[in-house]
C-alpha cells in the first residue's frame, strides 16, 4: 500500500508556484501637534509631525511637517507668526519677545504646504502660584536580575495653592547645565596606517567644561488641587537620571510650573495613564487620544496632540554631588571635554551656585 501511494505521488505533475505580491498601503498619516505657549519669556515652540496609525506597518515612522504657516491668535484678534527652525525642521518658534498674557485666550492656526487648514479650540491662560522652593531626594531603582541599580534625583516642589480657584498643575524641565569632567590625559586615537600606535596620546586641553542639555522627564508630572486646595503641600515634579556624569560635580536645572486648563489636564492625564500601562494581557490596547486640534476641511479627520496655553513660574536649583545619598560609578570619557556637544570651558554668565 505504501509503495502504491509513493508511485501515485510521483505521477502528480510538478508545477511552479509564483510568489504572491502583496502591496501594503502606507496608511493614513496623522498630523500631530505638540507644544505650548506660556506667560514666561519666549521663544515658545510648536512641533508638527505626521505619524502612522497604531497597528500600521508604518507605525513609528514620524515625519516633520515642514513649510507650514503657523500662527497664534488671541481673543482680541492679535496675530503672532511662528517661524520654522532651520536646524529643527517641523519646529516653529514664536519671537523671543512673545509671552502669553494671563486671562487671555489663544487659538493655534495651521496651514500646511498642501493648503490644509487646522485649528485648535481656544485655550485660556490660567494664573499659577509662584514656585517658591525645590528640594532634592535621591531615588534608586533595583534592576531585575540584580546588578547596579539605576538612580537619579527626584525634585520636590513646595506648592502654596490658592484657595479661591481650582488649579491644574503641569511641571516641565527647563534647560540644565552641569560641570563635565573628562580625562584628556587618557586619549587614544583610533589605529590607522599612519598612526598604528595604541598608546595614549594625552591632549593638553580640556578636562573641565560646562555642558548644557535639555532632558525631558520620562513621565508626566501633573496635579489637581482637589486634596490640597488653599494649602501648602509638597509634590514630586521631576526625575533626572544619574548617568555617571551629571552629578560628578555641580548640576543646575530650571523647573517650570505651569497652570493649565482643565481640558489640558484631562488630556495629559490620559496620555500619562496610557504611557504607564504595565503591558499585561489584560491591559487595553493603545488608543487614539483626541486633543483640542481639528481639521477645518474635514471634521472627521483625526488630529493628535494638544496646544497648551499656560501661566508659568520658574525655579532654579543647584545640586551638589554631596546632595546625593547614592551615586552611579563615575563615567570615564577619555577625551577633551570640548568634543562633547553643548560644552564650553567658560561658565554661563548666570552661573551662581
Protein backbone atom coordinates (compact mmCIF):
# COMPACT_ATOMS: atom_id res chain seq x y z
CA UNK A 1 0.00 0.00 0.00
CA UNK A 2 2.83 2.40 0.91
CA UNK A 3 4.66 1.69 -2.38
CA UNK A 4 1.44 2.35 -4.34
CA UNK A 5 0.96 5.72 -2.58
CA UNK A 6 4.53 6.76 -3.36
CA UNK A 7 4.00 5.81 -7.02
CA UNK A 8 0.86 7.96 -7.24
CA UNK A 9 2.65 10.94 -5.74
CA UNK A 10 5.47 10.63 -8.25
CA UNK A 11 2.95 10.71 -11.12
CA UNK A 12 1.49 14.04 -10.00
CA UNK A 13 2.58 16.99 -12.18
CA UNK A 14 5.10 19.28 -10.64
CA UNK A 15 4.09 22.94 -11.01
CA UNK A 16 5.96 26.14 -10.22
CA UNK A 17 4.34 28.46 -7.70
CA UNK A 18 4.60 32.14 -8.48
CA UNK A 19 5.10 34.33 -5.38
CA UNK A 20 2.03 36.38 -4.48
CA UNK A 21 2.88 40.02 -4.30
CA UNK A 22 1.14 41.90 -1.52
CA UNK A 23 1.04 45.65 -1.74
CA UNK A 24 0.70 47.11 1.72
CA UNK A 25 -0.79 50.60 1.76
CA UNK A 26 1.19 53.12 3.71
CA UNK A 27 -1.86 54.07 5.74
CA UNK A 28 -3.10 57.42 6.91
CA UNK A 29 -0.52 59.82 8.22
CA UNK A 30 -1.97 61.65 11.22
CA UNK A 31 -1.00 65.21 11.99
CA UNK A 32 0.43 65.54 15.50
CA UNK A 33 0.67 68.91 17.24
CA UNK A 34 2.90 69.29 20.28
CA UNK A 35 3.87 72.42 22.15
CA UNK A 36 2.84 75.24 24.41
CA UNK A 37 2.89 78.97 24.81
CA UNK A 38 3.24 80.34 28.33
CA UNK A 39 3.40 83.59 30.23
CA UNK A 40 7.15 83.04 30.57
CA UNK A 41 9.74 84.55 28.22
CA UNK A 42 9.97 83.24 24.65
CA UNK A 43 10.66 81.83 22.25
CA UNK A 44 7.97 79.14 22.55
CA UNK A 45 7.89 76.18 20.19
CA UNK A 46 5.16 74.23 18.40
CA UNK A 47 6.25 70.99 16.70
CA UNK A 48 4.30 69.48 13.80
CA UNK A 49 4.80 65.89 12.68
CA UNK A 50 2.89 63.14 10.89
CA UNK A 51 2.88 59.54 12.10
CA UNK A 52 1.06 56.38 11.02
CA UNK A 53 -1.94 54.99 12.88
CA UNK A 54 -1.50 52.32 15.56
CA UNK A 55 -1.20 48.85 14.05
CA UNK A 56 0.04 50.07 10.68
CA UNK A 57 3.17 48.58 9.14
CA UNK A 58 4.48 52.15 9.10
CA UNK A 59 3.73 52.76 12.78
CA UNK A 60 6.60 54.63 14.40
CA UNK A 61 7.55 56.44 11.20
CA UNK A 62 7.49 60.11 12.16
CA UNK A 63 7.90 62.83 9.58
CA UNK A 64 8.27 66.55 10.30
CA UNK A 65 5.66 68.80 8.72
CA UNK A 66 7.71 71.49 7.01
CA UNK A 67 6.95 74.78 5.27
CA UNK A 68 3.66 75.26 7.10
CA UNK A 69 2.18 78.60 8.09
CA UNK A 70 1.70 78.63 11.87
CA UNK A 71 0.13 81.50 13.79
CA UNK A 72 -1.25 82.14 17.27
CA UNK A 73 -4.27 84.43 17.61
CA UNK A 74 -5.56 85.83 20.89
CA UNK A 75 -9.17 86.67 21.78
CA UNK A 76 -8.57 90.32 20.85
CA UNK A 77 -7.58 89.35 17.30
CA UNK A 78 -3.83 89.92 17.68
CA UNK A 79 -1.85 87.52 15.50
CA UNK A 80 1.68 86.23 16.10
CA UNK A 81 3.52 84.32 13.35
CA UNK A 82 5.83 81.42 14.23
CA UNK A 83 8.98 80.80 12.17
CA UNK A 84 10.24 77.33 11.28
CA UNK A 85 13.68 76.48 12.62
CA UNK A 86 16.42 75.85 10.08
CA UNK A 87 18.11 73.32 12.37
CA UNK A 88 14.97 71.50 13.59
CA UNK A 89 12.58 71.00 10.69
CA UNK A 90 8.95 70.89 11.71
CA UNK A 91 9.54 73.03 14.81
CA UNK A 92 8.01 76.52 14.74
CA UNK A 93 9.11 79.25 17.16
CA UNK A 94 7.45 82.41 18.40
CA UNK A 95 9.52 85.61 18.52
CA UNK A 96 11.70 85.80 21.64
CA UNK A 97 9.69 88.83 22.77
CA UNK A 98 6.39 86.94 22.79
CA UNK A 99 4.75 85.89 26.07
CA UNK A 100 1.17 84.80 26.61
CA UNK A 101 -0.94 87.00 28.89
CA UNK A 102 -2.76 85.53 31.88
CA UNK A 103 -6.53 85.78 31.32
CA UNK A 104 -6.27 85.90 27.52
CA UNK A 105 -7.39 83.01 25.30
CA UNK A 106 -5.27 81.81 22.37
CA UNK A 107 -6.00 79.78 19.25
CA UNK A 108 -3.38 77.95 17.17
CA UNK A 109 -3.95 78.10 13.40
CA UNK A 110 -2.04 75.95 10.90
CA UNK A 111 -1.98 75.86 7.10
CA UNK A 112 0.14 73.06 5.65
CA UNK A 113 2.15 73.30 2.45
CA UNK A 114 -0.68 71.36 0.72
CA UNK A 115 -3.21 74.01 1.78
CA UNK A 116 -4.95 72.02 4.53
CA UNK A 117 -6.26 74.10 7.43
CA UNK A 118 -6.23 73.16 11.12
CA UNK A 119 -7.24 74.99 14.26
CA UNK A 120 -7.22 74.47 17.99
CA UNK A 121 -10.06 75.30 20.29
CA UNK A 122 -9.34 78.49 22.28
CA UNK A 123 -7.13 77.89 25.32
CA UNK A 124 -7.28 80.29 28.24
CA UNK A 125 -4.05 81.16 30.05
CA UNK A 126 -4.60 80.40 33.74
CA UNK A 127 -2.66 82.01 36.57
CA UNK A 128 -0.22 79.89 38.55
CA UNK A 129 1.26 80.46 42.02
CA UNK A 130 4.98 81.13 42.28
CA UNK A 131 7.20 78.09 42.59
CA UNK A 132 8.88 79.11 45.83
CA UNK A 133 11.00 76.12 46.82
CA UNK A 134 12.60 72.98 45.38
CA UNK A 135 14.27 70.17 47.32
CA UNK A 136 16.23 67.09 46.27
CA UNK A 137 15.67 63.42 47.05
CA UNK A 138 17.84 60.56 45.78
CA UNK A 139 15.91 57.68 44.21
CA UNK A 140 17.29 54.21 43.46
CA UNK A 141 15.54 51.65 41.26
CA UNK A 142 16.52 47.99 41.63
CA UNK A 143 17.05 46.11 38.38
CA UNK A 144 15.64 42.69 37.60
CA UNK A 145 18.33 40.04 37.89
CA UNK A 146 20.45 42.16 40.21
CA UNK A 147 23.26 44.40 39.13
CA UNK A 148 23.88 48.03 39.91
CA UNK A 149 20.53 49.79 40.45
CA UNK A 150 19.53 52.80 38.40
CA UNK A 151 19.38 56.04 40.31
CA UNK A 152 18.79 59.74 39.99
CA UNK A 153 17.38 62.77 41.74
CA UNK A 154 13.73 63.48 42.35
CA UNK A 155 12.86 67.16 42.68
CA UNK A 156 10.13 68.06 45.17
CA UNK A 157 8.22 71.34 44.79
CA UNK A 158 6.56 73.18 47.66
CA UNK A 159 3.23 74.40 46.31
CA UNK A 160 1.31 77.20 48.04
CA UNK A 161 -2.07 76.58 46.46
CA UNK A 162 -4.55 79.49 46.36
CA UNK A 163 -7.96 78.83 47.90
CA UNK A 164 -10.02 80.97 45.53
CA UNK A 165 -9.66 78.81 42.41
CA UNK A 166 -9.39 75.23 41.17
CA UNK A 167 -5.81 74.74 39.95
CA UNK A 168 -4.40 72.24 37.48
CA UNK A 169 -0.60 71.89 37.53
CA UNK A 170 1.89 70.61 34.97
CA UNK A 171 5.67 70.60 35.56
CA UNK A 172 8.27 70.59 32.79
CA UNK A 173 12.05 70.54 32.77
CA UNK A 174 13.83 73.63 31.55
CA UNK A 175 17.46 73.67 30.38
CA UNK A 176 20.12 72.21 32.65
CA UNK A 177 23.85 72.91 32.98
CA UNK A 178 26.43 70.80 34.75
CA UNK A 179 30.19 70.67 35.22
CA UNK A 180 31.51 67.89 32.98
CA UNK A 181 34.80 66.24 33.93
CA UNK A 182 36.67 64.15 31.37
CA UNK A 183 40.13 62.55 31.01
CA UNK A 184 42.01 64.03 28.03
CA UNK A 185 45.18 62.50 29.52
CA UNK A 186 43.80 59.08 28.51
CA UNK A 187 43.04 59.99 24.91
CA UNK A 188 43.95 57.22 22.48
CA UNK A 189 43.36 57.78 18.75
CA UNK A 190 41.97 55.02 16.59
CA UNK A 191 44.74 52.93 15.00
CA UNK A 192 45.41 53.72 11.35
CA UNK A 193 48.14 53.10 8.79
CA UNK A 194 49.64 56.48 9.58
CA UNK A 195 49.20 56.01 13.31
CA UNK A 196 49.41 52.31 14.26
CA UNK A 197 50.18 53.01 17.90
CA UNK A 198 47.58 52.09 20.53
CA UNK A 199 49.32 54.05 23.26
CA UNK A 200 47.54 57.01 24.86
CA UNK A 201 48.36 60.39 23.35
CA UNK A 202 47.32 62.90 26.03
CA UNK A 203 45.67 66.14 24.98
CA UNK A 204 46.70 69.40 26.59
CA UNK A 205 43.08 70.58 26.99
CA UNK A 206 40.47 70.32 28.40
CA UNK A 207 39.41 68.32 31.45
CA UNK A 208 36.60 70.52 32.82
CA UNK A 209 33.73 72.04 30.84
CA UNK A 210 30.23 73.38 31.40
CA UNK A 211 27.66 71.38 29.47
CA UNK A 212 24.12 72.50 28.64
CA UNK A 213 21.46 69.91 27.85
CA UNK A 214 17.70 69.57 27.62
CA UNK A 215 16.50 66.42 29.37
CA UNK A 216 12.79 65.61 29.25
CA UNK A 217 11.08 63.67 32.00
CA UNK A 218 10.28 60.07 31.13
CA UNK A 219 6.91 60.58 32.81
CA UNK A 220 4.40 63.41 33.06
CA UNK A 221 4.20 65.26 36.37
CA UNK A 222 0.66 66.54 36.94
CA UNK A 223 -1.54 67.52 39.88
CA UNK A 224 -5.01 68.81 40.64
CA UNK A 225 -5.62 70.66 43.91
CA UNK A 226 -8.78 68.74 44.93
CA UNK A 227 -6.99 67.39 48.02
CA UNK A 228 -4.90 70.45 48.94
CA UNK A 229 -6.93 73.46 47.81
CA UNK A 230 -5.74 76.50 49.77
CA UNK A 231 -2.99 74.53 51.49
CA UNK A 232 0.78 74.16 51.21
CA UNK A 233 1.94 70.76 50.01
CA UNK A 234 4.99 69.03 48.56
CA UNK A 235 4.76 67.27 45.19
CA UNK A 236 7.36 65.38 43.08
CA UNK A 237 7.83 67.39 39.89
CA UNK A 238 10.83 65.90 38.07
CA UNK A 239 13.26 62.98 37.91
CA UNK A 240 16.75 63.31 36.41
CA UNK A 241 18.67 60.09 35.92
CA UNK A 242 22.26 59.77 37.10
CA UNK A 243 24.32 58.79 34.04
CA UNK A 244 27.67 58.89 35.82
CA UNK A 245 28.40 62.40 34.50
CA UNK A 246 25.67 64.86 35.58
CA UNK A 247 26.26 64.69 39.32
CA UNK A 248 30.03 64.25 39.48
CA UNK A 249 30.42 67.90 40.41
CA UNK A 250 27.67 70.55 40.22
CA UNK A 251 24.32 70.32 38.40
CA UNK A 252 21.76 73.06 37.70
CA UNK A 253 18.26 72.86 36.28
CA UNK A 254 15.25 75.13 35.82
CA UNK A 255 11.83 73.68 36.64
CA UNK A 256 8.72 75.22 35.06
CA UNK A 257 5.46 75.14 36.99
CA UNK A 258 2.55 75.62 34.60
CA UNK A 259 -1.06 76.46 35.36
CA UNK A 260 -3.07 74.67 32.65
CA UNK A 261 -6.74 74.40 31.75
CA UNK A 262 -8.96 71.58 33.00
CA UNK A 263 -9.20 70.19 29.45
CA UNK A 264 -5.41 70.17 29.05
CA UNK A 265 -5.07 68.40 32.39
CA UNK A 266 -7.54 65.68 31.35
CA UNK A 267 -5.69 65.16 28.07
CA UNK A 268 -2.27 64.90 29.74
CA UNK A 269 -3.63 62.59 32.44
CA UNK A 270 -4.93 60.18 29.76
CA UNK A 271 -1.56 60.31 27.98
CA UNK A 272 0.18 59.57 31.28
CA UNK A 273 -2.11 56.66 32.07
CA UNK A 274 -1.62 55.14 28.62
CA UNK A 275 2.15 55.58 28.75
CA UNK A 276 2.34 53.83 32.12
CA UNK A 277 0.35 50.74 31.11
CA UNK A 278 2.22 47.75 32.52
CA UNK A 279 1.88 45.61 29.41
CA UNK A 280 -0.12 42.65 30.76
CA UNK A 281 -2.62 40.76 28.57
CA UNK A 282 -5.45 42.44 30.47
CA UNK A 283 -4.34 45.96 29.57
CA UNK A 284 -6.39 47.82 26.97
CA UNK A 285 -4.66 48.38 23.61
CA UNK A 286 -3.20 51.83 22.97
CA UNK A 287 -5.98 54.17 21.90
CA UNK A 288 -6.08 57.43 20.00
CA UNK A 289 -6.46 60.28 22.48
CA UNK A 290 -8.16 63.25 20.89
CA UNK A 291 -6.79 66.66 21.83
CA UNK A 292 -8.03 70.17 21.08
CA UNK A 293 -6.98 70.28 17.41
CA UNK A 294 -9.41 69.87 14.49
CA UNK A 295 -9.28 69.95 10.71
CA UNK A 296 -11.25 72.82 9.20
CA UNK A 297 -11.51 70.95 5.88
CA UNK A 298 -12.62 67.55 7.21
CA UNK A 299 -14.19 67.38 10.69
CA UNK A 300 -13.80 63.58 10.67
CA UNK A 301 -10.01 63.73 10.29
CA UNK A 302 -8.17 62.64 13.43
CA UNK A 303 -5.61 65.19 14.64
CA UNK A 304 -3.35 64.19 17.52
CA UNK A 305 -1.76 66.27 20.25
CA UNK A 306 -2.73 69.31 22.24
CA UNK A 307 -2.00 73.01 22.03
CA UNK A 308 -1.35 74.27 25.56
CA UNK A 309 -1.53 77.87 26.76
CA UNK A 310 -0.48 78.29 30.38
CA UNK A 311 0.72 80.56 33.12
CA UNK A 312 4.33 79.87 34.09
CA UNK A 313 6.52 80.16 37.18
CA UNK A 314 10.17 79.05 37.07
CA UNK A 315 12.50 77.97 39.87
CA UNK A 316 16.22 77.22 39.51
CA UNK A 317 18.06 74.75 41.70
CA UNK A 318 21.73 73.79 42.02
CA UNK A 319 22.52 70.22 43.05
CA UNK A 320 25.91 69.44 44.57
CA UNK A 321 27.48 65.99 44.39
CA UNK A 322 27.23 65.77 48.19
CA UNK A 323 23.44 66.18 48.00
CA UNK A 324 23.11 62.63 46.67
CA UNK A 325 22.94 59.70 49.07
CA UNK A 326 23.67 57.22 46.26
CA UNK A 327 25.68 57.83 43.10
CA UNK A 328 26.46 55.87 39.97
CA UNK A 329 30.04 54.96 39.21
CA UNK A 330 31.80 57.86 37.53
CA UNK A 331 31.75 57.53 33.76
CA UNK A 332 35.12 57.98 32.04
CA UNK A 333 35.37 59.95 28.80
CA UNK A 334 38.97 59.63 27.55
CA UNK A 335 38.97 62.82 25.51
CA UNK A 336 38.91 66.59 25.54
CA UNK A 337 35.60 67.70 27.08
CA UNK A 338 35.11 70.21 24.26
CA UNK A 339 34.48 67.30 21.89
CA UNK A 340 31.18 66.66 23.69
CA UNK A 341 28.18 68.54 22.18
CA UNK A 342 26.89 71.51 24.17
CA UNK A 343 30.10 72.22 26.10
CA UNK A 344 32.16 75.31 26.83
CA UNK A 345 35.15 75.98 29.06
CA UNK A 346 33.51 79.23 30.17
CA UNK A 347 30.81 79.22 32.84
CA UNK A 348 27.42 80.63 31.80
CA UNK A 349 27.04 84.32 32.65
CA UNK A 350 24.26 83.44 35.13
CA UNK A 351 26.13 80.57 36.83
CA UNK A 352 25.80 81.36 40.54
CA UNK A 353 25.81 78.16 42.62
